[in-house]
PDB file of N, CA and C in Angstrom:
ATOM      1  N   MET A   1      27.093  36.638  14.905  1.00  0.00           N
ATOM      2  CA  MET A   1      27.302  35.056  15.423  1.00  0.00           C
ATOM      3  C   MET A   1      28.027  34.424  15.874  1.00  0.00           C
ATOM      4  N   ASN A   2      28.355  34.314  16.982  1.00  0.00           N
ATOM      5  CA  ASN A   2      29.312  33.482  18.417  1.00  0.00           C
ATOM      6  C   ASN A   2      30.324  32.531  17.584  1.00  0.00           C
ATOM      7  N   ILE A   3      31.315  31.837  17.840  1.00  0.00           N
ATOM      8  CA  ILE A   3      31.669  30.341  17.135  1.00  0.00           C
ATOM      9  C   ILE A   3      31.183  28.987  17.681  1.00  0.00           C
ATOM     10  N   GLU A   4      30.513  29.592  18.700  1.00  0.00           N
ATOM     11  CA  GLU A   4      29.526  28.373  19.509  1.00  0.00           C
ATOM     12  C   GLU A   4      27.998  28.738  18.653  1.00  0.00           C
ATOM     13  N   ASP A   5      27.956  29.640  18.356  1.00  0.00           N
ATOM     14  CA  ASP A   5      26.646  29.964  17.641  1.00  0.00           C
ATOM     15  C   ASP A   5      26.523  28.423  15.647  1.00  0.00           C
ATOM     16  N   TRP A   6      27.824  29.336  15.241  1.00  0.00           N
ATOM     17  CA  TRP A   6      28.595  28.235  13.873  1.00  0.00           C
ATOM     18  C   TRP A   6      28.482  27.074  14.534  1.00  0.00           C
ATOM     19  N   ARG A   7      28.272  26.090  15.592  1.00  0.00           N
ATOM     20  CA  ARG A   7      29.525  25.440  15.547  1.00  0.00           C
ATOM     21  C   ARG A   7      27.775  24.665  16.030  1.00  0.00           C
ATOM     22  N   ILE A   8      27.048  25.045  16.122  1.00  0.00           N
ATOM     23  CA  ILE A   8      25.767  25.200  16.629  1.00  0.00           C
ATOM     24  C   ILE A   8      25.306  24.297  15.515  1.00  0.00           C
ATOM     25  N   ARG A   9      25.526  25.761  14.016  1.00  0.00           N
ATOM     26  CA  ARG A   9      24.874  25.134  12.329  1.00  0.00           C
ATOM     27  C   ARG A   9      24.850  23.705  12.603  1.00  0.00           C
ATOM     28  N   ILE A  10      26.437  23.369  12.165  1.00  0.00           N
ATOM     29  CA  ILE A  10      27.254  22.985  11.891  1.00  0.00           C
ATOM     30  C   ILE A  10      26.725  21.560  12.588  1.00  0.00           C
ATOM     31  N   ASP A  11      25.929  21.055  14.083  1.00  0.00           N
ATOM     32  CA  ASP A  11      26.496  20.014  14.633  1.00  0.00           C
ATOM     33  C   ASP A  11      25.108  19.965  13.868  1.00  0.00           C
ATOM     34  N   GLU A  12      24.286  20.740  13.606  1.00  0.00           N
ATOM     35  CA  GLU A  12      22.435  20.271  13.122  1.00  0.00           C
ATOM     36  C   GLU A  12      22.662  19.517  11.007  1.00  0.00           C
ATOM     37  N   ILE A  13      23.454  20.389  10.604  1.00  0.00           N
ATOM     38  CA  ILE A  13      23.854  19.261   8.751  1.00  0.00           C
ATOM     39  C   ILE A  13      24.967  18.502   9.743  1.00  0.00           C
ATOM     40  N   ASN A  14      25.675  18.257  10.763  1.00  0.00           N
ATOM     41  CA  ASN A  14      25.792  16.848  10.430  1.00  0.00           C
ATOM     42  C   ASN A  14      25.068  15.780  11.370  1.00  0.00           C
ATOM     43  N   ASP A  15      23.526  16.039  11.761  1.00  0.00           N
ATOM     44  CA  ASP A  15      22.825  15.017  11.856  1.00  0.00           C
ATOM     45  C   ASP A  15      22.271  14.890  10.936  1.00  0.00           C
ATOM     46  N   GLN A  16      21.503  16.413   9.557  1.00  0.00           N
ATOM     47  CA  GLN A  16      21.339  16.251   9.472  1.00  0.00           C
ATOM     48  C   GLN A  16      22.447  15.253   7.484  1.00  0.00           C
ATOM     49  N   LEU A  17      23.258  15.933   7.833  1.00  0.00           N
ATOM     50  CA  LEU A  17      23.863  14.391   7.242  1.00  0.00           C
ATOM     51  C   LEU A  17      24.210  12.936   7.296  1.00  0.00           C
ATOM     52  N   ILE A  18      24.289  12.710   8.323  1.00  0.00           N
ATOM     53  CA  ILE A  18      23.529  11.375   9.248  1.00  0.00           C
ATOM     54  C   ILE A  18      22.584  10.362   8.531  1.00  0.00           C
ATOM     55  N   ASP A  19      21.343  11.591   8.586  1.00  0.00           N
ATOM     56  CA  ASP A  19      20.325  10.706   8.262  1.00  0.00           C
ATOM     57  C   ASP A  19      20.606  10.559   7.058  1.00  0.00           C
ATOM     58  N   LEU A  20      20.859  11.647   5.800  1.00  0.00           N
ATOM     59  CA  LEU A  20      20.691  11.463   4.348  1.00  0.00           C
ATOM     60  C   LEU A  20      21.947  10.023   3.657  1.00  0.00           C
ATOM     61  N   LEU A  21      23.010  10.048   4.983  1.00  0.00           N
ATOM     62  CA  LEU A  21      23.819   9.075   3.904  1.00  0.00           C
ATOM     63  C   LEU A  21      23.096   7.633   4.560  1.00  0.00           C
ATOM     64  N   ASN A  22      22.102   7.890   5.941  1.00  0.00           N
ATOM     65  CA  ASN A  22      22.116   6.625   5.658  1.00  0.00           C
ATOM     66  C   ASN A  22      20.545   5.769   4.882  1.00  0.00           C
ATOM     67  N   GLN A  23      19.882   6.678   4.884  1.00  0.00           N
ATOM     68  CA  GLN A  23      19.221   6.718   3.255  1.00  0.00           C
ATOM     69  C   GLN A  23      19.405   6.159   2.331  1.00  0.00           C
ATOM     70  N   ARG A  24      19.970   7.288   2.236  1.00  0.00           N
ATOM     71  CA  ARG A  24      21.225   6.665   0.701  1.00  0.00           C
ATOM     72  C   ARG A  24      21.531   4.543   1.091  1.00  0.00           C
ATOM     73  N   ALA A  25      22.530   4.470   1.981  1.00  0.00           N
ATOM     74  CA  ALA A  25      22.795   3.075   2.788  1.00  0.00           C
ATOM     75  C   ALA A  25      21.852   2.320   2.587  1.00  0.00           C
ATOM     76  N   THR A  26      20.106   2.696   3.090  1.00  0.00           N
ATOM     77  CA  THR A  26      19.275   1.974   2.778  1.00  0.00           C
ATOM     78  C   THR A  26      19.203   1.760   1.010  1.00  0.00           C
ATOM     79  N   TYR A  27      18.428   2.515   0.664  1.00  0.00           N
ATOM     80  CA  TYR A  27      18.875   2.785  -1.301  1.00  0.00           C
ATOM     81  C   TYR A  27      19.827   1.543  -1.670  1.00  0.00           C
ATOM     82  N   ALA A  28      20.520   1.420  -1.652  1.00  0.00           N
ATOM     83  CA  ALA A  28      21.558   1.346  -1.697  1.00  0.00           C
ATOM     84  C   ALA A  28      21.600  -0.971  -1.140  1.00  0.00           C
ATOM     85  N   THR A  29      21.515  -0.596  -0.488  1.00  0.00           N
ATOM     86  CA  THR A  29      20.953  -2.284  -0.038  1.00  0.00           C
ATOM     87  C   THR A  29      19.590  -2.423  -1.044  1.00  0.00           C
ATOM     88  N   GLU A  30      18.589  -2.681  -1.355  1.00  0.00           N
ATOM     89  CA  GLU A  30      17.464  -2.761  -2.183  1.00  0.00           C
ATOM     90  C   GLU A  30      18.474  -2.746  -3.018  1.00  0.00           C
ATOM     91  N   ILE A  31      19.218  -1.847  -4.045  1.00  0.00           N
ATOM     92  CA  ILE A  31      19.889  -2.064  -5.206  1.00  0.00           C
ATOM     93  C   ILE A  31      20.648  -3.221  -5.097  1.00  0.00           C
ATOM     94  N   GLY A  32      21.302  -3.537  -3.904  1.00  0.00           N
ATOM     95  CA  GLY A  32      22.135  -5.003  -3.290  1.00  0.00           C
ATOM     96  C   GLY A  32      20.850  -5.881  -4.445  1.00  0.00           C
ATOM     97  N   LYS A  33      19.956  -5.864  -3.696  1.00  0.00           N
ATOM     98  CA  LYS A  33      18.944  -7.141  -3.997  1.00  0.00           C
ATOM     99  C   LYS A  33      18.484  -7.479  -5.264  1.00  0.00           C
ATOM    100  N   LEU A  34      18.178  -6.643  -5.876  1.00  0.00           N
ATOM    101  CA  LEU A  34      17.972  -6.945  -6.793  1.00  0.00           C
ATOM    102  C   LEU A  34      19.177  -6.871  -7.442  1.00  0.00           C
ATOM    103  N   LYS A  35      20.315  -5.910  -7.707  1.00  0.00           N
ATOM    104  CA  LYS A  35      21.548  -6.583  -8.497  1.00  0.00           C
ATOM    105  C   LYS A  35      21.813  -8.237  -8.505  1.00  0.00           C
ATOM    106  N   LYS A  36      22.385  -8.787  -7.044  1.00  0.00           N
ATOM    107  CA  LYS A  36      22.069  -9.914  -6.764  1.00  0.00           C
ATOM    108  C   LYS A  36      21.158 -10.349  -8.382  1.00  0.00           C
ATOM    109  N   GLU A  37      19.260 -10.335  -7.689  1.00  0.00           N
ATOM    110  CA  GLU A  37      18.584 -11.268  -8.892  1.00  0.00           C
ATOM    111  C   GLU A  37      18.836 -11.503  -9.934  1.00  0.00           C
ATOM    112  N   LEU A  38      19.529  -9.739 -10.565  1.00  0.00           N
ATOM    113  CA  LEU A  38      19.316 -10.081 -11.470  1.00  0.00           C
ATOM    114  C   LEU A  38      20.512 -10.661 -12.420  1.00  0.00           C
ATOM    115  N   GLY A  39      21.960 -10.662 -10.946  1.00  0.00           N
ATOM    116  CA  GLY A  39      23.025 -11.718 -11.572  1.00  0.00           C
ATOM    117  C   GLY A  39      24.085 -10.609 -11.592  1.00  0.00           C
ATOM    118  N   LEU A  40      23.952  -9.782 -11.521  1.00  0.00           N
ATOM    119  CA  LEU A  40      24.817  -8.176 -11.543  1.00  0.00           C
ATOM    120  C   LEU A  40      25.724  -8.084 -10.775  1.00  0.00           C
ATOM    121  N   PRO A  41      27.300  -7.563 -10.891  1.00  0.00           N
ATOM    122  CA  PRO A  41      27.642  -6.913  -9.776  1.00  0.00           C
ATOM    123  C   PRO A  41      27.373  -5.309  -8.885  1.00  0.00           C
ATOM    124  N   VAL A  42      28.018  -5.807  -8.374  1.00  0.00           N
ATOM    125  CA  VAL A  42      27.973  -4.590  -6.690  1.00  0.00           C
ATOM    126  C   VAL A  42      28.372  -3.899  -7.835  1.00  0.00           C
ATOM    127  N   PHE A  43      29.318  -2.977  -8.033  1.00  0.00           N
ATOM    128  CA  PHE A  43      30.578  -1.952  -8.859  1.00  0.00           C
ATOM    129  C   PHE A  43      30.009  -1.730 -10.259  1.00  0.00           C
ATOM    130  N   ASP A  44      29.401  -0.541 -10.280  1.00  0.00           N
ATOM    131  CA  ASP A  44      29.365  -0.256 -11.796  1.00  0.00           C
ATOM    132  C   ASP A  44      30.413   1.249 -12.262  1.00  0.00           C
ATOM    133  N   ALA A  45      31.568   0.384 -12.791  1.00  0.00           N
ATOM    134  CA  ALA A  45      32.369   1.677 -12.585  1.00  0.00           C
ATOM    135  C   ALA A  45      31.232   2.658 -13.747  1.00  0.00           C
ATOM    136  N   SER A  46      30.781   2.509 -14.214  1.00  0.00           N
ATOM    137  CA  SER A  46      30.582   3.529 -15.575  1.00  0.00           C
ATOM    138  C   SER A  46      29.468   4.091 -15.050  1.00  0.00           C
ATOM    139  N   ARG A  47      28.418   3.712 -14.229  1.00  0.00           N
ATOM    140  CA  ARG A  47      27.939   4.286 -13.115  1.00  0.00           C
ATOM    141  C   ARG A  47      28.244   5.409 -11.783  1.00  0.00           C
ATOM    142  N   GLU A  48      29.578   4.627 -10.589  1.00  0.00           N
ATOM    143  CA  GLU A  48      29.990   5.862 -10.507  1.00  0.00           C
ATOM    144  C   GLU A  48      30.965   7.004 -11.147  1.00  0.00           C
ATOM    145  N   GLN A  49      31.276   6.267 -11.899  1.00  0.00           N
ATOM    146  CA  GLN A  49      32.307   7.937 -13.150  1.00  0.00           C
ATOM    147  C   GLN A  49      30.883   9.398 -13.088  1.00  0.00           C
ATOM    148  N   LYS A  50      29.751   8.067 -13.608  1.00  0.00           N
ATOM    149  CA  LYS A  50      29.017   9.320 -14.480  1.00  0.00           C
ATOM    150  C   LYS A  50      28.322  10.244 -12.772  1.00  0.00           C
ATOM    151  N   ILE A  51      28.134   9.272 -11.677  1.00  0.00           N
ATOM    152  CA  ILE A  51      27.878  10.165  -9.911  1.00  0.00           C
ATOM    153  C   ILE A  51      29.162  11.428 -10.035  1.00  0.00           C
ATOM    154  N   LEU A  52      30.947  11.067  -9.590  1.00  0.00           N
ATOM    155  CA  LEU A  52      31.366  12.361  -9.714  1.00  0.00           C
ATOM    156  C   LEU A  52      31.475  13.299 -10.277  1.00  0.00           C
ATOM    157  N   ASP A  53      31.030  12.731 -11.266  1.00  0.00           N
ATOM    158  CA  ASP A  53      31.324  13.715 -13.182  1.00  0.00           C
ATOM    159  C   ASP A  53      30.211  14.471 -12.214  1.00  0.00           C
ATOM    160  N   SER A  54      29.237  14.737 -12.129  1.00  0.00           N
ATOM    161  CA  SER A  54      28.084  15.751 -11.724  1.00  0.00           C
ATOM    162  C   SER A  54      27.634  15.870 -10.820  1.00  0.00           C
ATOM    163  N   VAL A  55      28.649  15.040  -9.943  1.00  0.00           N
ATOM    164  CA  VAL A  55      28.903  15.868  -8.239  1.00  0.00           C
ATOM    165  C   VAL A  55      29.826  16.531  -7.982  1.00  0.00           C
ATOM    166  N   GLY A  56      30.529  16.674  -8.869  1.00  0.00           N
ATOM    167  CA  GLY A  56      31.918  17.897  -9.038  1.00  0.00           C
ATOM    168  C   GLY A  56      31.230  18.677  -9.793  1.00  0.00           C
ATOM    169  N   ALA A  57      30.981  18.384 -11.247  1.00  0.00           N
ATOM    170  CA  ALA A  57      30.047  20.155 -11.546  1.00  0.00           C
ATOM    171  C   ALA A  57      28.686  20.766 -10.702  1.00  0.00           C
ATOM    172  N   LYS A  58      28.564  20.640 -10.506  1.00  0.00           N
ATOM    173  CA  LYS A  58      27.631  21.296  -9.376  1.00  0.00           C
ATOM    174  C   LYS A  58      27.768  21.531  -7.869  1.00  0.00           C
ATOM    175  N   THR A  59      29.326  21.646  -7.603  1.00  0.00           N
ATOM    176  CA  THR A  59      29.470  22.629  -7.058  1.00  0.00           C
ATOM    177  C   THR A  59      29.667  23.952  -7.271  1.00  0.00           C
ATOM    178  N   LYS A  60      29.346  24.709  -6.075  1.00  0.00           N
ATOM    179  CA  LYS A  60      29.354  26.102  -6.201  1.00  0.00           C
ATOM    180  C   LYS A  60      30.291  26.705  -4.836  1.00  0.00           C
ATOM    181  N   GLY A  61      31.276  25.931  -5.191  1.00  0.00           N
ATOM    182  CA  GLY A  61      31.854  25.673  -3.845  1.00  0.00           C
ATOM    183  C   GLY A  61      31.836  26.876  -1.771  1.00  0.00           C
ATOM    184  N   PRO A  62      33.196  27.147  -1.258  1.00  0.00           N
ATOM    185  CA  PRO A  62      33.999  27.246  -1.166  1.00  0.00           C
ATOM    186  C   PRO A  62      34.801  25.782  -1.508  1.00  0.00           C
ATOM    187  N   LEU A  63      34.532  24.215  -1.431  1.00  0.00           N
ATOM    188  CA  LEU A  63      34.266  22.973  -1.611  1.00  0.00           C
ATOM    189  C   LEU A  63      34.766  22.782  -3.014  1.00  0.00           C
ATOM    190  N   THR A  64      35.889  22.839  -2.877  1.00  0.00           N
ATOM    191  CA  THR A  64      36.412  22.174  -4.782  1.00  0.00           C
ATOM    192  C   THR A  64      35.647  21.459  -5.677  1.00  0.00           C
ATOM    193  N   SER A  65      35.040  20.951  -6.775  1.00  0.00           N
ATOM    194  CA  SER A  65      34.979  20.250  -7.771  1.00  0.00           C
ATOM    195  C   SER A  65      35.422  18.630  -7.788  1.00  0.00           C
ATOM    196  N   ASP A  66      37.038  18.569  -7.019  1.00  0.00           N
ATOM    197  CA  ASP A  66      37.969  17.706  -7.030  1.00  0.00           C
ATOM    198  C   ASP A  66      37.361  17.094  -5.244  1.00  0.00           C
ATOM    199  N   SER A  67      37.324  18.601  -4.495  1.00  0.00           N
ATOM    200  CA  SER A  67      36.880  17.369  -2.842  1.00  0.00           C
ATOM    201  C   SER A  67      35.277  17.106  -2.855  1.00  0.00           C
ATOM    202  N   ILE A  68      34.052  17.781  -3.256  1.00  0.00           N
ATOM    203  CA  ILE A  68      33.486  16.910  -3.681  1.00  0.00           C
ATOM    204  C   ILE A  68      33.235  15.777  -4.285  1.00  0.00           C
ATOM    205  N   LYS A  69      34.640  15.150  -5.650  1.00  0.00           N
ATOM    206  CA  LYS A  69      34.305  13.666  -5.822  1.00  0.00           C
ATOM    207  C   LYS A  69      35.378  12.916  -5.011  1.00  0.00           C
ATOM    208  N   LYS A  70      35.753  13.624  -3.861  1.00  0.00           N
ATOM    209  CA  LYS A  70      37.240  12.564  -2.715  1.00  0.00           C
ATOM    210  C   LYS A  70      35.800  12.489  -1.999  1.00  0.00           C
ATOM    211  N   ILE A  71      34.537  13.350  -1.848  1.00  0.00           N
ATOM    212  CA  ILE A  71      33.389  12.893  -0.633  1.00  0.00           C
ATOM    213  C   ILE A  71      32.300  12.154  -0.438  1.00  0.00           C
ATOM    214  N   PHE A  72      32.377  12.791  -2.045  1.00  0.00           N
ATOM    215  CA  PHE A  72      31.456  11.092  -2.764  1.00  0.00           C
ATOM    216  C   PHE A  72      32.466   9.638  -3.519  1.00  0.00           C
ATOM    217  N   LEU A  73      33.332   9.823  -3.394  1.00  0.00           N
ATOM    218  CA  LEU A  73      33.732   8.478  -3.504  1.00  0.00           C
ATOM    219  C   LEU A  73      33.583   7.938  -2.668  1.00  0.00           C
ATOM    220  N   THR A  74      33.682   8.633  -1.077  1.00  0.00           N
ATOM    221  CA  THR A  74      34.260   7.251  -0.450  1.00  0.00           C
ATOM    222  C   THR A  74      33.091   6.793   0.089  1.00  0.00           C
ATOM    223  N   ILE A  75      31.825   8.000  -0.129  1.00  0.00           N
ATOM    224  CA  ILE A  75      30.662   7.372   0.286  1.00  0.00           C
ATOM    225  C   ILE A  75      30.230   6.828  -0.380  1.00  0.00           C
ATOM    226  N   MET A  76      30.588   7.121  -1.776  1.00  0.00           N
ATOM    227  CA  MET A  76      30.447   5.511  -2.388  1.00  0.00           C
ATOM    228  C   MET A  76      30.734   3.869  -2.828  1.00  0.00           C
ATOM    229  N   GLU A  77      32.024   4.198  -2.193  1.00  0.00           N
ATOM    230  CA  GLU A  77      32.999   2.440  -1.636  1.00  0.00           C
ATOM    231  C   GLU A  77      32.414   2.137   0.023  1.00  0.00           C
ATOM    232  N   GLU A  78      31.974   3.283   0.736  1.00  0.00           N
ATOM    233  CA  GLU A  78      31.477   2.596   1.958  1.00  0.00           C
ATOM    234  C   GLU A  78      29.396   2.277   1.910  1.00  0.00           C
ATOM    235  N   THR A  79      29.283   2.851   1.008  1.00  0.00           N
ATOM    236  CA  THR A  79      28.082   2.606   0.658  1.00  0.00           C
ATOM    237  C   THR A  79      27.610   1.043   0.016  1.00  0.00           C
ATOM    238  N   ARG A  80      29.041   0.940  -0.910  1.00  0.00           N
ATOM    239  CA  ARG A  80      29.308  -0.015  -2.133  1.00  0.00           C
ATOM    240  C   ARG A  80      29.302  -1.643  -0.084  1.00  0.00           C
ATOM    241  N   LYS A  81      29.609  -1.591   0.185  1.00  0.00           N
ATOM    242  CA  LYS A  81      30.009  -2.822   1.419  1.00  0.00           C
ATOM    243  C   LYS A  81      28.280  -2.546   1.856  1.00  0.00           C
ATOM    244  N   VAL A  82      27.764  -2.328   1.480  1.00  0.00           N
ATOM    245  CA  VAL A  82      26.330  -2.349   2.842  1.00  0.00           C
ATOM    246  C   VAL A  82      25.257  -2.546   0.997  1.00  0.00           C
ATOM    247  N   GLU A  83      26.341  -2.854   0.564  1.00  0.00           N
ATOM    248  CA  GLU A  83      25.131  -3.214  -1.281  1.00  0.00           C
ATOM    249  C   GLU A  83      25.307  -4.780  -0.772  1.00  0.00           C
ATOM    250  N   GLU A  84      26.598  -5.025  -1.028  1.00  0.00           N
ATOM    251  CA  GLU A  84      27.209  -7.032  -0.571  1.00  0.00           C
ATOM    252  C   GLU A  84      25.858  -7.623  -0.389  1.00  0.00           C
TER     253      GLU A  84
END
């Protein structure tokens, strides 16, 4: 395969990631509604730490556990904005 073939594959994955991130944000919006009804705070530090620990442990490389955690931290920070 040449560089353009690889770039096409990356573009396809980018499209999938966008769809999945928006699906995740939609779910977070619903969770935010439930939290509001229940009087719970949007930010749940223990839940977020569990997620970070879990995703960090699942990576098989080439991204490191720390890299995956940083990506997910950003995802959660951005998703929290739509949860409010």
